[in-house]
Structures are given as C-alpha cells and as structure tokens.
Amino acid sequence: MTGADVLLERLFSPYRLGHIELRNRIYSPPHGTGFSQGGLPTDRQIAYYEARARGGAAFIVGGSWAVLPGERSGSANAAYDPAALDGHKRMAEAVHRHGAFLAAQLHMGGRQGPPGNYQSPPMLAPSPLPCPKLHEIPKELEVDESDEIVDRFAQAAANMQAGDWDGVEVLAAQGYGAKRVPLPAEEPRGGGVRGGLRRGHAHPSAHRRRSPPHRRSRVSGGRTHEHLGLRRGRS
C-alpha cells in the first residue's frame, strides 16, 4: 500500500467530532454562493448544498449568514430573519438526507466593507479607524451596542437551530466585526470596546446557554478550523 493509498483510506474513514460521527473527513468550508434572494434561501441555493452532500462531503458550512439586518449585502443570507426559517429547514433536510451535517457561518462585517454594499449604514466597529482595504470609517461601538451584538449573534444561532441546522461558527478572521483582539497597528488604543468587541468570546457561550449540550458553536479565527461538537450522530 502506497502513502497515497493510506491518505485516501483515512480521507474516507469515519471521524468522531465532539458528539457527532462524520461518515468521512471531507469538509466543505464556508463560502458565499450568491444564490439567496432577499436574504432567504432559494431552490438554487438548496440544490447547491445538497449537491455537495450527495457528492460525499460529510460536514458542510454555509458561508456568510448575516446577524445584523443593516449589514446584509445583496447576496448574503439572513440568519436574523424569521422569514428564512422554512428555507433553512428545507436546506437542512436536503443535506441531512445524504448523511451530511450542516452548520452556518455567522457574519458581522464591522469595518470591512463599503456602506454602499449594505442596506443601512453606518458600519459598526470597535474603533472609528478606517478599513485598511476600503478606507471607509465605521461608527465606534458603544458598550450597549456591543452587548446588543452579542445577543444578536446568540439569536441568530438560535434561529439556525430552529431550522434544524447542526451548529454555527462565528467568523472572527480577516478583520471582520467579531474579531476580538485586533493587531496593535489596527487598534492602537486597545482595551474595552475599542480593543475589540467587548466580551467577544461570549458569542459562542451565549449560544451555548440557549442550546442543548449536543449543539455547539465555534469561533473561526485566522486559519484555525477547530470545530467543537455539534449535534449527536445521525444514523
């Protein structure tokens, strides 16, 4: 048996991840599809994720589910909108019928994005420093706004749970809004709200307080892909 044979054998072998048993180690990472309409899942988007599950992926993460109404770009999905519940349930059913698990990447843009991409500016960020790429200046978060964002992340996670999804991750990489500890060059004032979202790591814990022990969330930061347990294994 060659080294390649060993690697392929492992790739297609089951893997236990927290409370769930994946049928193999094929992972479809989060990415936008541009297939939603008004923030709601469409038949095309549901078919897209079902095709990945049918093709063999054991764990699929849907990319860029917005938690704030004012920060949903035209093609992003709305985790905050109860009107999306039926579509979320249909998407979960389509993925589950092929034995795969489905999680949502919860997204807050923060300073990363021009106001023209959003329904209602201003952008919100820990400090009123411009986006290093697009140079737009966000509104500085107040403490109560930071707390409200934590609650909105938890509510968005609860909405996905109600749609029969298996878990969520919080996008906290590439300088997006949930990034907890900015680089000194990005946030020279540091500390408190201005050094990152206050209680930034409370996003997953806030979800856990509302969820049964077999459903979990994780924080996506940089290149880390350490998923926590999601839902108990499905036969």
Protein backbone atom coordinates (compact mmCIF):
# COMPACT_ATOMS: atom_id res chain seq x y z
CA MET A 1 0.00 0.00 0.00
CA THR A 2 1.43 3.38 -1.02
CA GLY A 3 1.41 6.55 1.02
CA ALA A 4 -1.31 7.93 -1.23
CA ASP A 5 -3.43 4.84 -0.58
CA VAL A 6 -3.07 5.36 3.17
CA LEU A 7 -4.08 9.02 2.88
CA LEU A 8 -7.14 8.18 0.77
CA GLU A 9 -8.14 5.41 3.16
CA ARG A 10 -8.03 7.90 6.02
CA LEU A 11 -9.89 10.53 4.00
CA PHE A 12 -12.83 8.21 3.51
CA SER A 13 -12.81 6.77 7.02
CA PRO A 14 -15.30 7.90 9.70
CA TYR A 15 -14.27 10.64 12.12
CA ARG A 16 -15.72 11.45 15.52
CA LEU A 17 -16.05 15.20 16.08
CA GLY A 18 -17.33 16.02 19.55
CA HIS A 19 -20.79 14.48 19.77
CA ILE A 20 -21.14 13.67 16.08
CA GLU A 21 -19.85 10.88 13.89
CA LEU A 22 -18.85 12.05 10.42
CA ARG A 23 -19.03 9.43 7.68
CA ASN A 24 -15.69 10.63 6.29
CA ARG A 25 -13.24 13.54 6.59
CA ILE A 26 -14.41 15.57 3.59
CA TYR A 27 -15.25 19.11 4.64
CA SER A 28 -16.90 21.83 2.55
CA PRO A 29 -15.64 25.13 4.04
CA PRO A 30 -17.75 28.31 4.25
CA HIS A 31 -18.05 30.44 1.13
CA GLY A 32 -20.70 32.68 -0.35
CA THR A 33 -22.86 31.34 -3.18
CA GLY A 34 -24.72 34.49 -4.25
CA PHE A 35 -27.84 32.33 -4.63
CA SER A 36 -30.04 33.76 -1.87
CA GLN A 37 -32.81 36.22 -2.64
CA GLY A 38 -33.66 38.97 -0.17
CA GLY A 39 -31.64 37.08 2.43
CA LEU A 40 -33.78 33.95 2.05
CA PRO A 41 -32.69 30.55 0.74
CA THR A 42 -33.71 29.74 -2.83
CA ASP A 43 -34.26 26.44 -4.60
CA ARG A 44 -30.95 27.00 -6.41
CA GLN A 45 -29.08 27.50 -3.14
CA ILE A 46 -30.67 24.46 -1.54
CA ALA A 47 -29.75 22.37 -4.58
CA TYR A 48 -26.17 23.70 -4.39
CA TYR A 49 -25.64 22.50 -0.82
CA GLU A 50 -27.48 19.25 -1.44
CA ALA A 51 -25.13 18.52 -4.35
CA ARG A 52 -22.14 18.83 -2.01
CA ALA A 53 -23.72 16.40 0.46
CA ARG A 54 -24.69 13.98 -2.31
CA GLY A 55 -21.17 14.18 -3.70
CA GLY A 56 -19.65 12.95 -0.46
CA ALA A 57 -18.98 15.89 1.86
CA ALA A 58 -19.62 14.88 5.46
CA PHE A 59 -19.55 18.34 7.01
CA ILE A 60 -20.74 21.49 5.21
CA VAL A 61 -20.53 25.06 6.49
CA GLY A 62 -22.69 27.63 4.71
CA GLY A 63 -20.80 30.91 4.36
CA SER A 64 -21.78 34.44 5.34
CA TRP A 65 -25.09 34.30 7.23
CA ALA A 66 -25.62 37.88 8.44
CA VAL A 67 -26.60 38.59 12.05
CA LEU A 68 -27.42 42.31 11.63
CA PRO A 69 -30.12 43.49 9.19
CA GLY A 70 -28.12 46.58 8.22
CA GLU A 71 -25.06 44.53 7.30
CA ARG A 72 -26.54 42.03 4.88
CA SER A 73 -25.14 42.51 1.41
CA GLY A 74 -27.39 41.77 -1.54
CA SER A 75 -26.36 38.15 -1.97
CA ALA A 76 -25.85 37.14 1.68
CA ASN A 77 -28.26 35.07 3.74
CA ALA A 78 -30.11 36.44 6.77
CA ALA A 79 -29.63 34.47 9.98
CA TYR A 80 -31.60 37.16 11.82
CA ASP A 81 -34.81 36.89 9.75
CA PRO A 82 -37.57 34.53 10.98
CA ALA A 83 -38.93 34.54 7.42
CA ALA A 84 -35.91 32.40 6.45
CA LEU A 85 -36.96 29.55 8.76
CA ASP A 86 -38.81 27.49 6.15
CA GLY A 87 -35.93 27.76 3.68
CA HIS A 88 -33.42 26.86 6.37
CA LYS A 89 -35.43 23.77 7.25
CA ARG A 90 -35.63 22.71 3.61
CA MET A 91 -31.88 23.21 3.21
CA ALA A 92 -31.12 21.17 6.33
CA GLU A 93 -33.43 18.39 5.18
CA ALA A 94 -31.76 18.30 1.76
CA VAL A 95 -28.29 17.97 3.29
CA HIS A 96 -29.30 15.54 6.03
CA ARG A 97 -30.94 13.10 3.61
CA HIS A 98 -27.47 12.33 2.27
CA GLY A 99 -25.96 11.76 5.72
CA ALA A 100 -24.08 15.05 5.99
CA PHE A 101 -24.07 17.69 8.73
CA LEU A 102 -24.75 21.38 8.14
CA ALA A 103 -23.54 24.46 10.03
CA ALA A 104 -23.80 28.20 9.37
CA GLN A 105 -21.03 30.78 9.42
CA LEU A 106 -22.41 33.81 11.28
CA HIS A 107 -21.05 37.05 9.91
CA MET A 108 -20.75 40.66 11.02
CA GLY A 109 -18.81 42.86 8.62
CA GLY A 110 -17.69 45.57 11.02
CA ARG A 111 -15.41 47.99 9.20
CA GLN A 112 -14.77 45.56 6.34
CA GLY A 113 -17.00 46.79 3.58
CA PRO A 114 -18.20 49.97 1.91
CA PRO A 115 -21.57 51.34 3.11
CA GLY A 116 -22.86 51.08 -0.45
CA ASN A 117 -22.88 47.29 -0.07
CA TYR A 118 -25.22 47.40 2.90
CA GLN A 119 -28.87 48.26 3.33
CA SER A 120 -28.41 50.90 6.02
CA PRO A 121 -25.07 52.33 7.18
CA PRO A 122 -23.23 53.12 9.35
CA MET A 123 -20.85 50.24 9.74
CA LEU A 124 -20.03 49.38 13.37
CA ALA A 125 -16.54 48.60 14.69
CA PRO A 126 -14.57 48.76 17.97
CA SER A 127 -12.83 51.98 16.85
CA PRO A 128 -13.54 54.67 14.24
CA LEU A 129 -10.48 53.65 12.24
CA PRO A 130 -10.87 53.13 8.51
CA CYS A 131 -10.96 49.76 6.83
CA PRO A 132 -7.35 49.10 5.73
CA LYS A 133 -8.58 47.91 2.32
CA LEU A 134 -11.57 50.11 1.51
CA HIS A 135 -10.78 53.11 3.72
CA GLU A 136 -14.35 53.66 4.93
CA ILE A 137 -14.67 54.95 8.51
CA PRO A 138 -17.07 53.00 10.77
CA LYS A 139 -19.05 54.21 13.74
CA GLU A 140 -17.37 53.43 17.05
CA LEU A 141 -19.31 50.94 19.13
CA GLU A 142 -20.81 51.93 22.44
CA VAL A 143 -20.80 49.38 25.26
CA ASP A 144 -24.55 48.81 24.99
CA GLU A 145 -24.22 48.28 21.24
CA SER A 146 -21.53 45.68 21.86
CA ASP A 147 -23.81 43.85 24.27
CA GLU A 148 -26.65 44.01 21.76
CA ILE A 149 -24.42 42.46 19.09
CA VAL A 150 -23.58 39.57 21.41
CA ASP A 151 -27.32 38.99 21.88
CA ARG A 152 -27.90 39.19 18.13
CA PHE A 153 -25.27 36.52 17.50
CA ALA A 154 -26.99 34.30 20.05
CA GLN A 155 -30.40 34.91 18.49
CA ALA A 156 -29.06 34.20 15.02
CA ALA A 157 -27.61 30.91 16.28
CA ALA A 158 -30.96 30.06 17.88
CA ASN A 159 -32.70 30.79 14.56
CA MET A 160 -30.40 28.37 12.74
CA GLN A 161 -31.01 25.77 15.43
CA ALA A 162 -34.76 26.20 14.95
CA GLY A 163 -34.15 25.50 11.25
CA ASP A 164 -32.67 22.09 12.17
CA TRP A 165 -29.08 23.10 11.39
CA ASP A 166 -26.39 21.24 13.32
CA GLY A 167 -24.26 24.14 14.53
CA VAL A 168 -22.76 27.55 13.84
CA GLU A 169 -19.38 29.20 13.66
CA VAL A 170 -18.61 32.88 14.29
CA LEU A 171 -16.44 34.48 11.63
CA ALA A 172 -13.72 36.33 13.55
CA ALA A 173 -10.94 36.34 10.96
CA GLN A 174 -9.64 38.77 8.33
CA GLY A 175 -10.58 41.78 10.46
CA TYR A 176 -14.34 41.26 10.41
CA GLY A 177 -16.60 42.60 13.14
CA ALA A 178 -16.42 39.77 15.65
CA LYS A 179 -12.63 39.86 15.75
CA ARG A 180 -11.87 40.05 19.46
CA VAL A 181 -8.20 41.03 19.69
CA PRO A 182 -7.08 43.32 16.84
CA LEU A 183 -3.44 43.80 15.93
CA PRO A 184 -1.80 46.79 17.66
CA ALA A 185 -1.40 48.55 14.31
CA GLU A 186 -5.12 48.20 13.72
CA GLU A 187 -6.34 49.23 17.18
CA PRO A 188 -3.62 51.34 18.83
CA ARG A 189 -5.87 52.47 21.66
CA GLY A 190 -6.63 48.93 22.78
CA GLY A 191 -8.78 47.73 25.67
CA GLY A 192 -12.53 47.72 26.30
CA VAL A 193 -14.85 48.09 23.35
CA ARG A 194 -12.12 49.90 21.40
CA GLY A 195 -9.83 46.89 21.57
CA GLY A 196 -12.37 44.53 20.08
CA LEU A 197 -15.96 43.56 20.69
CA ARG A 198 -16.44 43.58 24.44
CA ARG A 199 -17.00 40.01 25.63
CA GLY A 200 -16.11 38.90 22.11
CA HIS A 201 -15.81 35.28 23.14
CA ALA A 202 -19.29 35.45 24.65
CA HIS A 203 -20.80 34.86 21.21
CA PRO A 204 -20.45 31.07 21.33
CA SER A 205 -21.07 30.88 25.06
CA ALA A 206 -24.24 32.95 24.68
CA HIS A 207 -25.44 30.42 22.13
CA ARG A 208 -24.49 27.51 24.38
CA ARG A 209 -26.62 28.91 27.21
CA ARG A 210 -29.65 28.68 24.88
CA SER A 211 -28.77 25.31 23.34
CA PRO A 212 -28.89 21.68 24.44
CA PRO A 213 -25.46 20.18 25.27
CA HIS A 214 -25.21 18.30 21.96
CA ARG A 215 -25.26 21.52 19.89
CA ARG A 216 -22.25 23.76 19.88
CA SER A 217 -20.67 26.73 18.17
CA ARG A 218 -17.11 27.71 17.42
CA VAL A 219 -15.10 30.83 16.65
CA SER A 220 -13.33 30.97 13.28
CA GLY A 221 -10.15 32.99 13.60
CA GLY A 222 -7.32 33.18 11.10
CA ARG A 223 -6.61 29.70 9.78
CA THR A 224 -7.97 27.85 12.78
CA HIS A 225 -10.51 25.13 12.00
CA GLU A 226 -11.10 23.62 15.41
CA HIS A 227 -14.77 22.71 15.30
CA LEU A 228 -16.48 21.93 18.54
CA GLY A 229 -19.18 19.27 18.89
CA LEU A 230 -22.42 19.99 17.06
CA ARG A 231 -25.27 17.50 17.09
CA ARG A 232 -25.35 13.87 18.16
CA GLY A 233 -24.65 11.39 15.38
CA ARG A 234 -27.46 10.64 12.97
CA SER A 235 -27.97 7.10 11.74
